[in-house]
Amino acid sequence: MRFFLERFGTLREGGQDGERCIPATFRLLFFIAWKPDPSQARPLPRGSGKFPLKDICRLDEISSKMEQESEKP
């Protein structure tokens, strides 16, 4: 490790005096596989959602409103 720090290391910004790091870039690739199966739940009918997807940015507000409505007798 010492060889790599001496060879490729740079001084770390905001670090302690003389603290070195090795800059690196990583690329991550994720895959998700799915295959339909008869045992899986069927999707709900179109338009059966409680709020439109365009309002997803207001999720906190919508969820608290839904909680308040569910608490009413």
PDB file of N, CA and C in Angstrom:
ATOM      1  N   MET A   1       0.828  -1.185   0.000  1.00  0.00           N
ATOM      2  CA  MET A   1       0.000   0.000   0.000  1.00  0.00           C
ATOM      3  C   MET A   1       0.876   1.254   0.000  1.00  0.00           C
ATOM      4  N   ARG A   2       1.952   1.196   0.729  1.00  0.00           N
ATOM      5  CA  ARG A   2       2.838   2.366   0.811  1.00  0.00           C
ATOM      6  C   ARG A   2       3.381   2.729  -0.570  1.00  0.00           C
ATOM      7  N   PHE A   3       3.710   1.713  -1.373  1.00  0.00           N
ATOM      8  CA  PHE A   3       4.211   1.952  -2.727  1.00  0.00           C
ATOM      9  C   PHE A   3       3.187   2.740  -3.543  1.00  0.00           C
ATOM     10  N   PHE A   4       1.919   2.330  -3.474  1.00  0.00           N
ATOM     11  CA  PHE A   4       0.875   2.999  -4.242  1.00  0.00           C
ATOM     12  C   PHE A   4       0.656   4.438  -3.760  1.00  0.00           C
ATOM     13  N   LEU A   5       0.705   4.642  -2.447  1.00  0.00           N
ATOM     14  CA  LEU A   5       0.552   6.000  -1.923  1.00  0.00           C
ATOM     15  C   LEU A   5       1.688   6.902  -2.391  1.00  0.00           C
ATOM     16  N   GLU A   6       2.923   6.375  -2.366  1.00  0.00           N
ATOM     17  CA  GLU A   6       4.063   7.177  -2.794  1.00  0.00           C
ATOM     18  C   GLU A   6       4.037   7.420  -4.301  1.00  0.00           C
ATOM     19  N   ARG A   7       3.601   6.412  -5.036  1.00  0.00           N
ATOM     20  CA  ARG A   7       3.622   6.497  -6.497  1.00  0.00           C
ATOM     21  C   ARG A   7       2.436   7.293  -7.063  1.00  0.00           C
ATOM     22  N   PHE A   8       1.222   7.013  -6.577  1.00  0.00           N
ATOM     23  CA  PHE A   8       0.013   7.583  -7.160  1.00  0.00           C
ATOM     24  C   PHE A   8      -0.751   8.501  -6.219  1.00  0.00           C
ATOM     25  N   GLY A   9      -0.344   8.567  -4.971  1.00  0.00           N
ATOM     26  CA  GLY A   9      -1.092   9.334  -3.983  1.00  0.00           C
ATOM     27  C   GLY A   9      -0.995  10.836  -4.188  1.00  0.00           C
ATOM     28  N   THR A  10      -2.030  11.517  -3.768  1.00  0.00           N
ATOM     29  CA  THR A  10      -2.049  12.977  -3.803  1.00  0.00           C
ATOM     30  C   THR A  10      -2.434  13.466  -2.419  1.00  0.00           C
ATOM     31  N   LEU A  11      -2.098  14.716  -2.138  1.00  0.00           N
ATOM     32  CA  LEU A  11      -2.485  15.277  -0.848  1.00  0.00           C
ATOM     33  C   LEU A  11      -3.994  15.450  -0.822  1.00  0.00           C
ATOM     34  N   ARG A  12      -4.587  15.066   0.261  1.00  0.00           N
ATOM     35  CA  ARG A  12      -6.039  15.108   0.387  1.00  0.00           C
ATOM     36  C   ARG A  12      -6.481  16.505   0.802  1.00  0.00           C
ATOM     37  N   GLU A  13      -7.461  17.058   0.078  1.00  0.00           N
ATOM     38  CA  GLU A  13      -7.992  18.373   0.429  1.00  0.00           C
ATOM     39  C   GLU A  13      -8.783  18.263   1.723  1.00  0.00           C
ATOM     40  N   GLY A  14      -8.540  19.178   2.634  1.00  0.00           N
ATOM     41  CA  GLY A  14      -9.272  19.184   3.890  1.00  0.00           C
ATOM     42  C   GLY A  14      -8.809  18.123   4.868  1.00  0.00           C
ATOM     43  N   GLY A  15      -7.813  17.349   4.498  1.00  0.00           N
ATOM     44  CA  GLY A  15      -7.318  16.313   5.391  1.00  0.00           C
ATOM     45  C   GLY A  15      -6.254  16.855   6.327  1.00  0.00           C
ATOM     46  N   GLN A  16      -5.726  15.982   7.153  1.00  0.00           N
ATOM     47  CA  GLN A  16      -4.660  16.384   8.067  1.00  0.00           C
ATOM     48  C   GLN A  16      -3.395  16.645   7.262  1.00  0.00           C
ATOM     49  N   ASP A  17      -2.458  17.349   7.864  1.00  0.00           N
ATOM     50  CA  ASP A  17      -1.214  17.669   7.167  1.00  0.00           C
ATOM     51  C   ASP A  17      -0.525  16.394   6.709  1.00  0.00           C
ATOM     52  N   GLY A  18      -0.197  16.354   5.438  1.00  0.00           N
ATOM     53  CA  GLY A  18       0.519  15.213   4.897  1.00  0.00           C
ATOM     54  C   GLY A  18      -0.340  13.997   4.620  1.00  0.00           C
ATOM     55  N   GLU A  19      -1.622  14.080   4.859  1.00  0.00           N
ATOM     56  CA  GLU A  19      -2.502  12.934   4.609  1.00  0.00           C
ATOM     57  C   GLU A  19      -2.665  12.752   3.104  1.00  0.00           C
ATOM     58  N   ARG A  20      -2.457  11.538   2.640  1.00  0.00           N
ATOM     59  CA  ARG A  20      -2.514  11.268   1.209  1.00  0.00           C
ATOM     60  C   ARG A  20      -3.635  10.283   0.907  1.00  0.00           C
ATOM     61  N   CYS A  21      -4.115  10.351  -0.323  1.00  0.00           N
ATOM     62  CA  CYS A  21      -5.126   9.396  -0.771  1.00  0.00           C
ATOM     63  C   CYS A  21      -4.838   9.046  -2.224  1.00  0.00           C
ATOM     64  N   ILE A  22      -5.419   7.958  -2.682  1.00  0.00           N
ATOM     65  CA  ILE A  22      -5.271   7.539  -4.066  1.00  0.00           C
ATOM     66  C   ILE A  22      -6.594   7.822  -4.766  1.00  0.00           C
ATOM     67  N   PRO A  23      -6.622   8.788  -5.692  1.00  0.00           N
ATOM     68  CA  PRO A  23      -7.877   9.082  -6.375  1.00  0.00           C
ATOM     69  C   PRO A  23      -8.286   7.906  -7.258  1.00  0.00           C
ATOM     70  N   ALA A  24      -9.560   7.609  -7.255  1.00  0.00           N
ATOM     71  CA  ALA A  24     -10.060   6.488  -8.049  1.00  0.00           C
ATOM     72  C   ALA A  24     -11.465   6.801  -8.536  1.00  0.00           C
ATOM     73  N   THR A  25     -11.807   6.249  -9.672  1.00  0.00           N
ATOM     74  CA  THR A  25     -13.144   6.380 -10.234  1.00  0.00           C
ATOM     75  C   THR A  25     -13.713   4.983 -10.399  1.00  0.00           C
ATOM     76  N   PHE A  26     -14.962   4.816  -9.991  1.00  0.00           N
ATOM     77  CA  PHE A  26     -15.617   3.521 -10.103  1.00  0.00           C
ATOM     78  C   PHE A  26     -16.861   3.660 -10.964  1.00  0.00           C
ATOM     79  N   ARG A  27     -17.130   2.671 -11.745  1.00  0.00           N
ATOM     80  CA  ARG A  27     -18.377   2.613 -12.501  1.00  0.00           C
ATOM     81  C   ARG A  27     -19.122   1.375 -12.045  1.00  0.00           C
ATOM     82  N   LEU A  28     -20.340   1.593 -11.573  1.00  0.00           N
ATOM     83  CA  LEU A  28     -21.159   0.495 -11.085  1.00  0.00           C
ATOM     84  C   LEU A  28     -22.278   0.242 -12.076  1.00  0.00           C
ATOM     85  N   LEU A  29     -22.555  -1.007 -12.305  1.00  0.00           N
ATOM     86  CA  LEU A  29     -23.606  -1.390 -13.233  1.00  0.00           C
ATOM     87  C   LEU A  29     -24.510  -2.378 -12.517  1.00  0.00           C
ATOM     88  N   PHE A  30     -25.800  -2.078 -12.474  1.00  0.00           N
ATOM     89  CA  PHE A  30     -26.757  -2.926 -11.785  1.00  0.00           C
ATOM     90  C   PHE A  30     -27.735  -3.505 -12.791  1.00  0.00           C
ATOM     91  N   PHE A  31     -28.111  -4.745 -12.594  1.00  0.00           N
ATOM     92  CA  PHE A  31     -29.126  -5.387 -13.407  1.00  0.00           C
ATOM     93  C   PHE A  31     -30.199  -5.940 -12.495  1.00  0.00           C
ATOM     94  N   ILE A  32     -31.427  -5.828 -12.935  1.00  0.00           N
ATOM     95  CA  ILE A  32     -32.538  -6.429 -12.212  1.00  0.00           C
ATOM     96  C   ILE A  32     -33.277  -7.320 -13.202  1.00  0.00           C
ATOM     97  N   ALA A  33     -33.446  -8.554 -12.848  1.00  0.00           N
ATOM     98  CA  ALA A  33     -34.155  -9.487 -13.716  1.00  0.00           C
ATOM     99  C   ALA A  33     -35.506  -9.823 -13.099  1.00  0.00           C
ATOM    100  N   TRP A  34     -36.492 -10.004 -13.954  1.00  0.00           N
ATOM    101  CA  TRP A  34     -37.831 -10.332 -13.486  1.00  0.00           C
ATOM    102  C   TRP A  34     -38.488 -11.219 -14.526  1.00  0.00           C
ATOM    103  N   LYS A  35     -39.178 -12.222 -14.047  1.00  0.00           N
ATOM    104  CA  LYS A  35     -39.904 -13.117 -14.933  1.00  0.00           C
ATOM    105  C   LYS A  35     -41.293 -13.314 -14.344  1.00  0.00           C
ATOM    106  N   PRO A  36     -42.355 -13.096 -15.131  1.00  0.00           N
ATOM    107  CA  PRO A  36     -43.704 -13.259 -14.592  1.00  0.00           C
ATOM    108  C   PRO A  36     -43.956 -14.695 -14.145  1.00  0.00           C
ATOM    109  N   ASP A  37     -44.753 -14.829 -13.097  1.00  0.00           N
ATOM    110  CA  ASP A  37     -45.097 -16.144 -12.565  1.00  0.00           C
ATOM    111  C   ASP A  37     -46.553 -16.102 -12.109  1.00  0.00           C
ATOM    112  N   PRO A  38     -47.303 -17.179 -12.288  1.00  0.00           N
ATOM    113  CA  PRO A  38     -48.712 -17.184 -11.879  1.00  0.00           C
ATOM    114  C   PRO A  38     -48.918 -16.940 -10.380  1.00  0.00           C
ATOM    115  N   SER A  39     -47.916 -17.209  -9.554  1.00  0.00           N
ATOM    116  CA  SER A  39     -48.074 -17.033  -8.109  1.00  0.00           C
ATOM    117  C   SER A  39     -47.954 -15.563  -7.682  1.00  0.00           C
ATOM    118  N   GLN A  40     -47.503 -14.702  -8.591  1.00  0.00           N
ATOM    119  CA  GLN A  40     -47.334 -13.292  -8.247  1.00  0.00           C
ATOM    120  C   GLN A  40     -48.677 -12.567  -8.286  1.00  0.00           C
ATOM    121  N   ALA A  41     -48.768 -11.511  -7.480  1.00  0.00           N
ATOM    122  CA  ALA A  41     -50.000 -10.717  -7.443  1.00  0.00           C
ATOM    123  C   ALA A  41     -50.225 -10.039  -8.789  1.00  0.00           C
ATOM    124  N   ARG A  42     -51.486  -9.923  -9.162  1.00  0.00           N
ATOM    125  CA  ARG A  42     -51.851  -9.263 -10.410  1.00  0.00           C
ATOM    126  C   ARG A  42     -51.850  -7.749 -10.192  1.00  0.00           C
ATOM    127  N   PRO A  43     -51.523  -6.971 -11.212  1.00  0.00           N
ATOM    128  CA  PRO A  43     -51.549  -5.513 -11.053  1.00  0.00           C
ATOM    129  C   PRO A  43     -52.973  -5.004 -10.872  1.00  0.00           C
ATOM    130  N   LEU A  44     -53.124  -3.907 -10.152  1.00  0.00           N
ATOM    131  CA  LEU A  44     -54.433  -3.295  -9.957  1.00  0.00           C
ATOM    132  C   LEU A  44     -54.899  -2.679 -11.272  1.00  0.00           C
ATOM    133  N   PRO A  45     -56.215  -2.492 -11.412  1.00  0.00           N
ATOM    134  CA  PRO A  45     -56.720  -1.890 -12.650  1.00  0.00           C
ATOM    135  C   PRO A  45     -56.186  -0.468 -12.847  1.00  0.00           C
ATOM    136  N   ARG A  46     -56.085  -0.067 -14.080  1.00  0.00           N
ATOM    137  CA  ARG A  46     -55.591   1.267 -14.429  1.00  0.00           C
ATOM    138  C   ARG A  46     -56.479   2.337 -13.791  1.00  0.00           C
ATOM    139  N   GLY A  47     -55.839   3.349 -13.188  1.00  0.00           N
ATOM    140  CA  GLY A  47     -56.577   4.444 -12.574  1.00  0.00           C
ATOM    141  C   GLY A  47     -57.020   4.174 -11.149  1.00  0.00           C
ATOM    142  N   SER A  48     -56.572   3.083 -10.542  1.00  0.00           N
ATOM    143  CA  SER A  48     -56.999   2.756  -9.178  1.00  0.00           C
ATOM    144  C   SER A  48     -56.064   3.338  -8.112  1.00  0.00           C
ATOM    145  N   GLY A  49     -55.049   4.099  -8.519  1.00  0.00           N
ATOM    146  CA  GLY A  49     -54.109   4.692  -7.568  1.00  0.00           C
ATOM    147  C   GLY A  49     -54.762   5.774  -6.726  1.00  0.00           C
ATOM    148  N   LYS A  50     -54.159   6.064  -5.581  1.00  0.00           N
ATOM    149  CA  LYS A  50     -54.717   7.066  -4.673  1.00  0.00           C
ATOM    150  C   LYS A  50     -54.225   8.469  -5.001  1.00  0.00           C
ATOM    151  N   PHE A  51     -53.101   8.596  -5.696  1.00  0.00           N
ATOM    152  CA  PHE A  51     -52.603   9.906  -6.129  1.00  0.00           C
ATOM    153  C   PHE A  51     -51.801   9.712  -7.414  1.00  0.00           C
ATOM    154  N   PRO A  52     -51.766  10.723  -8.279  1.00  0.00           N
ATOM    155  CA  PRO A  52     -51.028  10.594  -9.541  1.00  0.00           C
ATOM    156  C   PRO A  52     -49.512  10.597  -9.320  1.00  0.00           C
ATOM    157  N   LEU A  53     -48.817   9.927 -10.197  1.00  0.00           N
ATOM    158  CA  LEU A  53     -47.364   9.841 -10.097  1.00  0.00           C
ATOM    159  C   LEU A  53     -46.695  11.206 -10.243  1.00  0.00           C
ATOM    160  N   LYS A  54     -47.342  12.149 -10.907  1.00  0.00           N
ATOM    161  CA  LYS A  54     -46.748  13.477 -11.062  1.00  0.00           C
ATOM    162  C   LYS A  54     -46.606  14.189  -9.720  1.00  0.00           C
ATOM    163  N   ASP A  55     -47.355  13.740  -8.685  1.00  0.00           N
ATOM    164  CA  ASP A  55     -47.288  14.350  -7.359  1.00  0.00           C
ATOM    165  C   ASP A  55     -46.292  13.650  -6.435  1.00  0.00           C
ATOM    166  N   ILE A  56     -45.418  12.829  -6.977  1.00  0.00           N
ATOM    167  CA  ILE A  56     -44.473  12.060  -6.161  1.00  0.00           C
ATOM    168  C   ILE A  56     -43.534  12.981  -5.376  1.00  0.00           C
ATOM    169  N   CYS A  57     -43.294  14.190  -5.873  1.00  0.00           N
ATOM    170  CA  CYS A  57     -42.419  15.124  -5.151  1.00  0.00           C
ATOM    171  C   CYS A  57     -43.087  15.629  -3.872  1.00  0.00           C
ATOM    172  N   ARG A  58     -44.404  15.464  -3.743  1.00  0.00           N
ATOM    173  CA  ARG A  58     -45.126  15.873  -2.540  1.00  0.00           C
ATOM    174  C   ARG A  58     -45.477  14.654  -1.685  1.00  0.00           C
ATOM    175  N   LEU A  59     -44.686  13.614  -1.749  1.00  0.00           N
ATOM    176  CA  LEU A  59     -44.992  12.348  -1.088  1.00  0.00           C
ATOM    177  C   LEU A  59     -45.184  12.494   0.416  1.00  0.00           C
ATOM    178  N   ASP A  60     -44.348  13.279   1.091  1.00  0.00           N
ATOM    179  CA  ASP A  60     -44.486  13.467   2.543  1.00  0.00           C
ATOM    180  C   ASP A  60     -45.835  14.085   2.883  1.00  0.00           C
ATOM    181  N   GLU A  61     -46.211  15.098   2.139  1.00  0.00           N
ATOM    182  CA  GLU A  61     -47.487  15.776   2.373  1.00  0.00           C
ATOM    183  C   GLU A  61     -48.663  14.827   2.122  1.00  0.00           C
ATOM    184  N   ILE A  62     -48.596  14.075   1.046  1.00  0.00           N
ATOM    185  CA  ILE A  62     -49.678  13.153   0.692  1.00  0.00           C
ATOM    186  C   ILE A  62     -49.804  12.041   1.723  1.00  0.00           C
ATOM    187  N   SER A  63     -48.676  11.470   2.162  1.00  0.00           N
ATOM    188  CA  SER A  63     -48.736  10.369   3.129  1.00  0.00           C
ATOM    189  C   SER A  63     -49.287  10.837   4.471  1.00  0.00           C
ATOM    190  N   SER A  64     -48.911  12.048   4.912  1.00  0.00           N
ATOM    191  CA  SER A  64     -49.458  12.539   6.184  1.00  0.00           C
ATOM    192  C   SER A  64     -50.953  12.804   6.048  1.00  0.00           C
ATOM    193  N   LYS A  65     -51.391  13.287   4.899  1.00  0.00           N
ATOM    194  CA  LYS A  65     -52.815  13.518   4.671  1.00  0.00           C
ATOM    195  C   LYS A  65     -53.582  12.185   4.676  1.00  0.00           C
ATOM    196  N   MET A  66     -52.994  11.149   4.064  1.00  0.00           N
ATOM    197  CA  MET A  66     -53.635   9.832   4.035  1.00  0.00           C
ATOM    198  C   MET A  66     -53.708   9.237   5.438  1.00  0.00           C
ATOM    199  N   GLU A  67     -52.672   9.445   6.257  1.00  0.00           N
ATOM    200  CA  GLU A  67     -52.687   8.958   7.642  1.00  0.00           C
ATOM    201  C   GLU A  67     -53.790   9.638   8.440  1.00  0.00           C
ATOM    202  N   GLN A  68     -53.943  10.939   8.270  1.00  0.00           N
ATOM    203  CA  GLN A  68     -54.987  11.680   8.979  1.00  0.00           C
ATOM    204  C   GLN A  68     -56.370  11.180   8.573  1.00  0.00           C
ATOM    205  N   GLU A  69     -56.563  10.900   7.289  1.00  0.00           N
ATOM    206  CA  GLU A  69     -57.855  10.414   6.817  1.00  0.00           C
ATOM    207  C   GLU A  69     -58.153   9.023   7.353  1.00  0.00           C
ATOM    208  N   SER A  70     -57.118   8.186   7.497  1.00  0.00           N
ATOM    209  CA  SER A  70     -57.342   6.826   7.993  1.00  0.00           C
ATOM    210  C   SER A  70     -57.634   6.812   9.494  1.00  0.00           C
ATOM    211  N   GLU A  71     -57.206   7.847  10.224  1.00  0.00           N
ATOM    212  CA  GLU A  71     -57.458   7.921  11.666  1.00  0.00           C
ATOM    213  C   GLU A  71     -58.870   8.390  11.982  1.00  0.00           C
ATOM    214  N   LYS A  72     -59.537   9.018  11.018  1.00  0.00           N
ATOM    215  CA  LYS A  72     -60.904   9.497  11.248  1.00  0.00           C
ATOM    216  C   LYS A  72     -61.846   8.306  11.384  1.00  0.00           C
ATOM    217  N   PRO A  73     -62.817   8.384  12.330  1.00  0.00           N
ATOM    218  CA  PRO A  73     -63.749   7.254  12.519  1.00  0.00           C
ATOM    219  C   PRO A  73     -64.761   7.133  11.407  1.00  0.00           C
TER     220      PRO A  73
END
